[in-house]
């Protein structure tokens, strides 16, 4: 077997196993569920009505997005609080820009 063919076979096997593990195997959804269970109590303690936090699920990612009405200080503080919590596994934290545009909020 040629080295190129071996490389392509290895890449295909790796991609298939990753897809099985994260897709039908459910690991990705379990990870997001675990992260979500850690984030929600932190958000609830801030007592800012209407602000929600959710992880992107279509496509699935470890990006946490906040939605809701908040001023600049509150937005910055929410992101800082999640960072200070030290939750491992979150890739990024930000306010949802699509939501801000749809509510007319320019921030």
N, C-alpha and C. Protein backbone atom coordinates (compact mmCIF):
# COMPACT_ATOMS: atom_id res chain seq x y z
N UNK A 1 0.86 -1.17 0.00
CA UNK A 1 0.00 0.00 0.00
C UNK A 1 0.91 1.24 0.00
N UNK A 2 0.57 2.22 -0.82
CA UNK A 2 1.40 3.42 -0.93
C UNK A 2 1.24 4.30 0.31
N UNK A 3 2.23 5.12 0.63
CA UNK A 3 2.14 6.01 1.79
C UNK A 3 0.97 6.99 1.71
N UNK A 4 0.67 7.47 0.52
CA UNK A 4 -0.46 8.40 0.35
C UNK A 4 -1.78 7.71 0.67
N UNK A 5 -1.93 6.49 0.19
CA UNK A 5 -3.15 5.73 0.47
C UNK A 5 -3.29 5.45 1.96
N UNK A 6 -2.18 5.14 2.61
CA UNK A 6 -2.20 4.92 4.07
C UNK A 6 -2.62 6.20 4.80
N UNK A 7 -2.12 7.33 4.35
CA UNK A 7 -2.48 8.61 4.96
C UNK A 7 -3.97 8.88 4.82
N UNK A 8 -4.50 8.70 3.62
CA UNK A 8 -5.94 8.92 3.40
C UNK A 8 -6.79 7.95 4.22
N UNK A 9 -6.36 6.71 4.31
CA UNK A 9 -7.09 5.74 5.11
C UNK A 9 -7.09 6.15 6.58
N UNK A 10 -5.95 6.60 7.08
CA UNK A 10 -5.85 7.05 8.47
C UNK A 10 -6.72 8.27 8.74
N UNK A 11 -6.73 9.22 7.81
CA UNK A 11 -7.57 10.41 7.96
C UNK A 11 -9.06 10.04 7.98
N UNK A 12 -9.45 9.15 7.09
CA UNK A 12 -10.84 8.73 7.03
C UNK A 12 -11.26 8.00 8.31
N UNK A 13 -10.39 7.13 8.81
CA UNK A 13 -10.70 6.41 10.05
C UNK A 13 -10.80 7.36 11.23
N UNK A 14 -9.93 8.35 11.28
CA UNK A 14 -9.97 9.33 12.37
C UNK A 14 -11.25 10.16 12.30
N UNK A 15 -11.61 10.62 11.11
CA UNK A 15 -12.83 11.42 10.95
C UNK A 15 -14.07 10.61 11.32
N UNK A 16 -14.11 9.36 10.89
CA UNK A 16 -15.26 8.50 11.21
C UNK A 16 -15.38 8.27 12.71
N UNK A 17 -14.27 7.99 13.37
CA UNK A 17 -14.34 7.74 14.82
C UNK A 17 -14.73 9.01 15.58
N UNK A 18 -14.24 10.17 15.15
CA UNK A 18 -14.63 11.42 15.81
C UNK A 18 -16.12 11.69 15.62
N UNK A 19 -16.61 11.46 14.41
CA UNK A 19 -18.03 11.67 14.15
C UNK A 19 -18.89 10.73 14.99
N UNK A 20 -18.52 9.46 15.07
CA UNK A 20 -19.27 8.50 15.87
C UNK A 20 -19.26 8.87 17.35
N UNK A 21 -18.13 9.32 17.84
CA UNK A 21 -17.98 9.65 19.25
C UNK A 21 -18.81 10.88 19.62
N UNK A 22 -18.73 11.92 18.81
CA UNK A 22 -19.42 13.18 19.14
C UNK A 22 -20.85 13.23 18.64
N UNK A 23 -21.15 12.54 17.57
CA UNK A 23 -22.50 12.56 17.01
C UNK A 23 -23.38 11.50 17.63
N UNK A 24 -23.49 10.34 16.99
CA UNK A 24 -24.37 9.29 17.51
C UNK A 24 -23.97 8.80 18.91
N UNK A 25 -22.69 8.90 19.25
CA UNK A 25 -22.25 8.48 20.58
C UNK A 25 -22.74 9.40 21.68
N UNK A 26 -23.11 10.62 21.32
CA UNK A 26 -23.71 11.55 22.26
C UNK A 26 -22.75 12.28 23.19
N UNK A 27 -21.45 12.15 23.00
CA UNK A 27 -20.52 12.79 23.91
C UNK A 27 -20.64 14.31 23.86
N UNK A 28 -20.80 14.86 22.67
CA UNK A 28 -20.90 16.31 22.54
C UNK A 28 -22.10 16.86 23.29
N UNK A 29 -23.23 16.22 23.15
CA UNK A 29 -24.44 16.69 23.85
C UNK A 29 -24.29 16.54 25.36
N UNK A 30 -23.66 15.46 25.81
CA UNK A 30 -23.43 15.29 27.26
C UNK A 30 -22.51 16.37 27.79
N UNK A 31 -21.47 16.71 27.03
CA UNK A 31 -20.55 17.76 27.45
C UNK A 31 -21.27 19.10 27.56
N UNK A 32 -22.06 19.45 26.56
CA UNK A 32 -22.79 20.72 26.62
C UNK A 32 -23.80 20.72 27.76
N UNK A 33 -24.43 19.59 28.02
CA UNK A 33 -25.35 19.50 29.15
C UNK A 33 -24.65 19.73 30.47
N UNK A 34 -23.47 19.16 30.63
CA UNK A 34 -22.68 19.35 31.85
C UNK A 34 -22.28 20.81 32.01
N UNK A 35 -21.81 21.42 30.94
CA UNK A 35 -21.42 22.83 30.99
C UNK A 35 -22.62 23.71 31.30
N UNK A 36 -23.75 23.39 30.69
CA UNK A 36 -24.97 24.16 30.91
C UNK A 36 -25.41 24.08 32.38
N UNK A 37 -25.30 22.90 32.98
CA UNK A 37 -25.68 22.75 34.40
C UNK A 37 -24.75 23.54 35.32
N UNK A 38 -23.54 23.81 34.89
CA UNK A 38 -22.62 24.61 35.69
C UNK A 38 -22.87 26.11 35.51
N UNK A 39 -23.28 26.51 34.31
CA UNK A 39 -23.47 27.93 34.00
C UNK A 39 -24.79 28.47 34.54
N UNK A 40 -25.87 27.71 34.42
CA UNK A 40 -27.20 28.24 34.76
C UNK A 40 -27.33 28.77 36.19
N UNK A 41 -26.80 28.09 37.21
CA UNK A 41 -26.90 28.66 38.56
C UNK A 41 -26.15 29.99 38.70
N UNK A 42 -25.05 30.14 37.98
CA UNK A 42 -24.29 31.38 38.03
C UNK A 42 -25.11 32.52 37.43
N UNK A 43 -25.76 32.25 36.30
CA UNK A 43 -26.59 33.26 35.64
C UNK A 43 -27.78 33.61 36.53
N UNK A 44 -28.40 32.62 37.15
CA UNK A 44 -29.56 32.86 38.01
C UNK A 44 -29.20 33.72 39.22
N UNK A 45 -28.00 33.53 39.76
CA UNK A 45 -27.57 34.33 40.93
C UNK A 45 -27.42 35.81 40.61
N UNK A 46 -27.25 36.15 39.34
CA UNK A 46 -27.07 37.56 38.97
C UNK A 46 -28.39 38.33 39.02
N UNK A 47 -29.51 37.62 39.03
CA UNK A 47 -30.85 38.18 39.19
C UNK A 47 -31.13 39.32 38.21
N UNK A 48 -30.79 39.11 36.96
CA UNK A 48 -31.11 40.08 35.92
C UNK A 48 -32.19 39.46 35.05
N UNK A 49 -33.41 39.94 35.23
CA UNK A 49 -34.57 39.35 34.56
C UNK A 49 -34.42 39.36 33.05
N UNK A 50 -34.77 38.25 32.44
CA UNK A 50 -34.78 38.16 30.99
C UNK A 50 -33.45 37.79 30.35
N UNK A 51 -32.38 37.70 31.13
CA UNK A 51 -31.09 37.34 30.55
C UNK A 51 -30.95 35.82 30.61
N UNK A 52 -30.63 35.24 29.48
CA UNK A 52 -30.44 33.80 29.39
C UNK A 52 -29.06 33.49 28.82
N UNK A 53 -28.60 32.30 29.10
CA UNK A 53 -27.32 31.83 28.57
C UNK A 53 -27.55 30.47 27.94
N UNK A 54 -27.00 30.28 26.75
CA UNK A 54 -27.15 28.98 26.09
C UNK A 54 -25.94 28.70 25.24
N UNK A 55 -25.68 27.43 25.05
CA UNK A 55 -24.58 27.00 24.19
C UNK A 55 -25.12 26.77 22.78
N UNK A 56 -24.29 27.10 21.80
CA UNK A 56 -24.66 26.88 20.41
C UNK A 56 -24.84 25.38 20.18
N UNK A 57 -25.94 25.02 19.54
CA UNK A 57 -26.19 23.60 19.29
C UNK A 57 -26.43 23.30 17.81
N UNK A 58 -26.45 24.32 16.99
CA UNK A 58 -26.66 24.07 15.56
C UNK A 58 -25.80 25.01 14.75
N UNK A 59 -24.57 24.72 14.51
CA UNK A 59 -23.85 23.50 14.86
C UNK A 59 -23.42 23.51 16.32
N UNK A 60 -23.22 22.34 16.85
CA UNK A 60 -22.86 22.17 18.24
C UNK A 60 -21.47 22.76 18.50
N UNK A 61 -21.37 23.61 19.53
CA UNK A 61 -20.07 24.17 19.88
C UNK A 61 -20.07 24.54 21.36
N UNK A 62 -18.90 24.82 21.87
CA UNK A 62 -18.75 25.18 23.27
C UNK A 62 -18.77 26.69 23.45
N UNK A 63 -19.43 27.40 22.54
CA UNK A 63 -19.55 28.86 22.60
C UNK A 63 -20.80 29.21 23.40
N UNK A 64 -20.61 29.93 24.50
CA UNK A 64 -21.72 30.36 25.36
C UNK A 64 -22.18 31.73 24.90
N UNK A 65 -23.48 31.88 24.68
CA UNK A 65 -24.04 33.15 24.23
C UNK A 65 -25.11 33.62 25.20
N UNK A 66 -25.00 34.88 25.62
CA UNK A 66 -26.02 35.51 26.46
C UNK A 66 -27.01 36.24 25.58
N UNK A 67 -28.25 36.28 26.04
CA UNK A 67 -29.31 37.04 25.37
C UNK A 67 -30.09 37.76 26.43
N UNK A 68 -30.63 38.92 26.09
CA UNK A 68 -31.48 39.66 27.00
C UNK A 68 -31.07 41.11 27.09
N UNK A 69 -31.87 41.87 27.83
CA UNK A 69 -31.63 43.30 28.00
C UNK A 69 -30.65 43.53 29.13
N UNK A 70 -29.57 44.24 28.83
CA UNK A 70 -28.57 44.57 29.83
C UNK A 70 -27.77 45.78 29.34
N UNK A 71 -27.28 46.57 30.29
CA UNK A 71 -26.46 47.70 29.87
C UNK A 71 -25.01 47.24 29.66
N UNK A 72 -24.15 48.15 29.24
CA UNK A 72 -22.76 47.78 28.92
C UNK A 72 -22.04 47.18 30.12
N UNK A 73 -22.24 47.78 31.31
CA UNK A 73 -21.57 47.26 32.51
C UNK A 73 -22.03 45.84 32.80
N UNK A 74 -23.33 45.60 32.74
CA UNK A 74 -23.87 44.27 33.02
C UNK A 74 -23.37 43.25 32.00
N UNK A 75 -23.30 43.64 30.75
CA UNK A 75 -22.81 42.72 29.72
C UNK A 75 -21.37 42.33 29.98
N UNK A 76 -20.55 43.32 30.28
CA UNK A 76 -19.13 43.04 30.56
C UNK A 76 -19.00 42.19 31.80
N UNK A 77 -19.76 42.49 32.82
CA UNK A 77 -19.66 41.76 34.09
C UNK A 77 -20.10 40.30 33.93
N UNK A 78 -21.15 40.04 33.15
CA UNK A 78 -21.59 38.66 32.94
C UNK A 78 -20.47 37.83 32.32
N UNK A 79 -19.79 38.37 31.33
CA UNK A 79 -18.69 37.65 30.69
C UNK A 79 -17.57 37.41 31.69
N UNK A 80 -17.25 38.43 32.50
CA UNK A 80 -16.20 38.29 33.52
C UNK A 80 -16.55 37.23 34.56
N UNK A 81 -17.79 37.20 34.99
CA UNK A 81 -18.22 36.26 36.03
C UNK A 81 -18.04 34.81 35.56
N UNK A 82 -18.40 34.55 34.31
CA UNK A 82 -18.23 33.20 33.78
C UNK A 82 -16.74 32.86 33.73
N UNK A 83 -15.91 33.81 33.33
CA UNK A 83 -14.47 33.58 33.30
C UNK A 83 -13.91 33.32 34.68
N UNK A 84 -14.39 34.07 35.67
CA UNK A 84 -13.91 33.90 37.05
C UNK A 84 -14.37 32.58 37.66
N UNK A 85 -15.46 32.02 37.15
CA UNK A 85 -15.98 30.76 37.69
C UNK A 85 -15.03 29.59 37.39
N UNK A 86 -14.19 29.74 36.39
CA UNK A 86 -13.21 28.70 36.08
C UNK A 86 -13.81 27.42 35.54
N UNK A 87 -14.89 27.53 34.80
CA UNK A 87 -15.52 26.34 34.23
C UNK A 87 -14.69 25.90 33.03
N UNK A 88 -14.15 24.70 33.11
CA UNK A 88 -13.32 24.18 32.02
C UNK A 88 -14.19 23.62 30.91
N UNK A 89 -13.83 23.92 29.68
CA UNK A 89 -14.53 23.39 28.53
C UNK A 89 -15.26 24.42 27.71
N UNK A 90 -15.44 25.63 28.24
CA UNK A 90 -16.10 26.69 27.48
C UNK A 90 -15.06 27.33 26.57
N UNK A 91 -15.38 27.41 25.27
CA UNK A 91 -14.43 27.99 24.33
C UNK A 91 -14.51 29.51 24.30
N UNK A 92 -15.72 30.06 24.26
CA UNK A 92 -15.86 31.52 24.23
C UNK A 92 -17.16 31.92 24.91
N UNK A 93 -17.18 33.17 25.39
CA UNK A 93 -18.36 33.72 26.05
C UNK A 93 -18.60 35.09 25.46
N UNK A 94 -19.83 35.35 25.02
CA UNK A 94 -20.16 36.65 24.43
C UNK A 94 -21.67 36.85 24.44
N UNK A 95 -22.08 38.06 24.15
CA UNK A 95 -23.50 38.34 23.96
C UNK A 95 -23.84 38.03 22.52
N UNK A 96 -25.01 37.47 22.30
CA UNK A 96 -25.44 37.05 20.96
C UNK A 96 -25.66 38.27 20.07
N UNK A 97 -24.83 38.47 19.04
CA UNK A 97 -24.99 39.65 18.19
C UNK A 97 -26.27 39.61 17.35
N UNK A 98 -26.73 38.43 16.97
CA UNK A 98 -27.97 38.32 16.20
C UNK A 98 -29.16 38.77 17.03
N UNK A 99 -29.15 38.42 18.31
CA UNK A 99 -30.24 38.83 19.20
C UNK A 99 -30.23 40.34 19.37
N UNK A 100 -29.06 40.93 19.54
CA UNK A 100 -28.96 42.39 19.73
C UNK A 100 -29.52 43.10 18.50
N UNK A 101 -29.24 42.60 17.30
CA UNK A 101 -29.75 43.23 16.09
C UNK A 101 -31.27 43.07 16.00
N UNK A 102 -31.78 41.90 16.39
CA UNK A 102 -33.21 41.67 16.24
C UNK A 102 -34.04 42.46 17.25
N UNK A 103 -33.45 42.89 18.36
CA UNK A 103 -34.19 43.67 19.35
C UNK A 103 -33.95 45.16 19.20
N UNK A 104 -33.13 45.53 18.22
CA UNK A 104 -32.83 46.95 18.02
C UNK A 104 -31.78 47.45 18.96
N UNK A 105 -31.17 46.60 19.71
CA UNK A 105 -30.14 46.97 20.67
C UNK A 105 -28.81 47.05 19.94
N UNK A 106 -28.20 48.20 19.89
CA UNK A 106 -26.97 48.39 19.11
C UNK A 106 -25.73 47.98 19.86
N UNK A 107 -25.84 47.61 21.12
CA UNK A 107 -24.65 47.26 21.90
C UNK A 107 -24.09 45.94 21.55
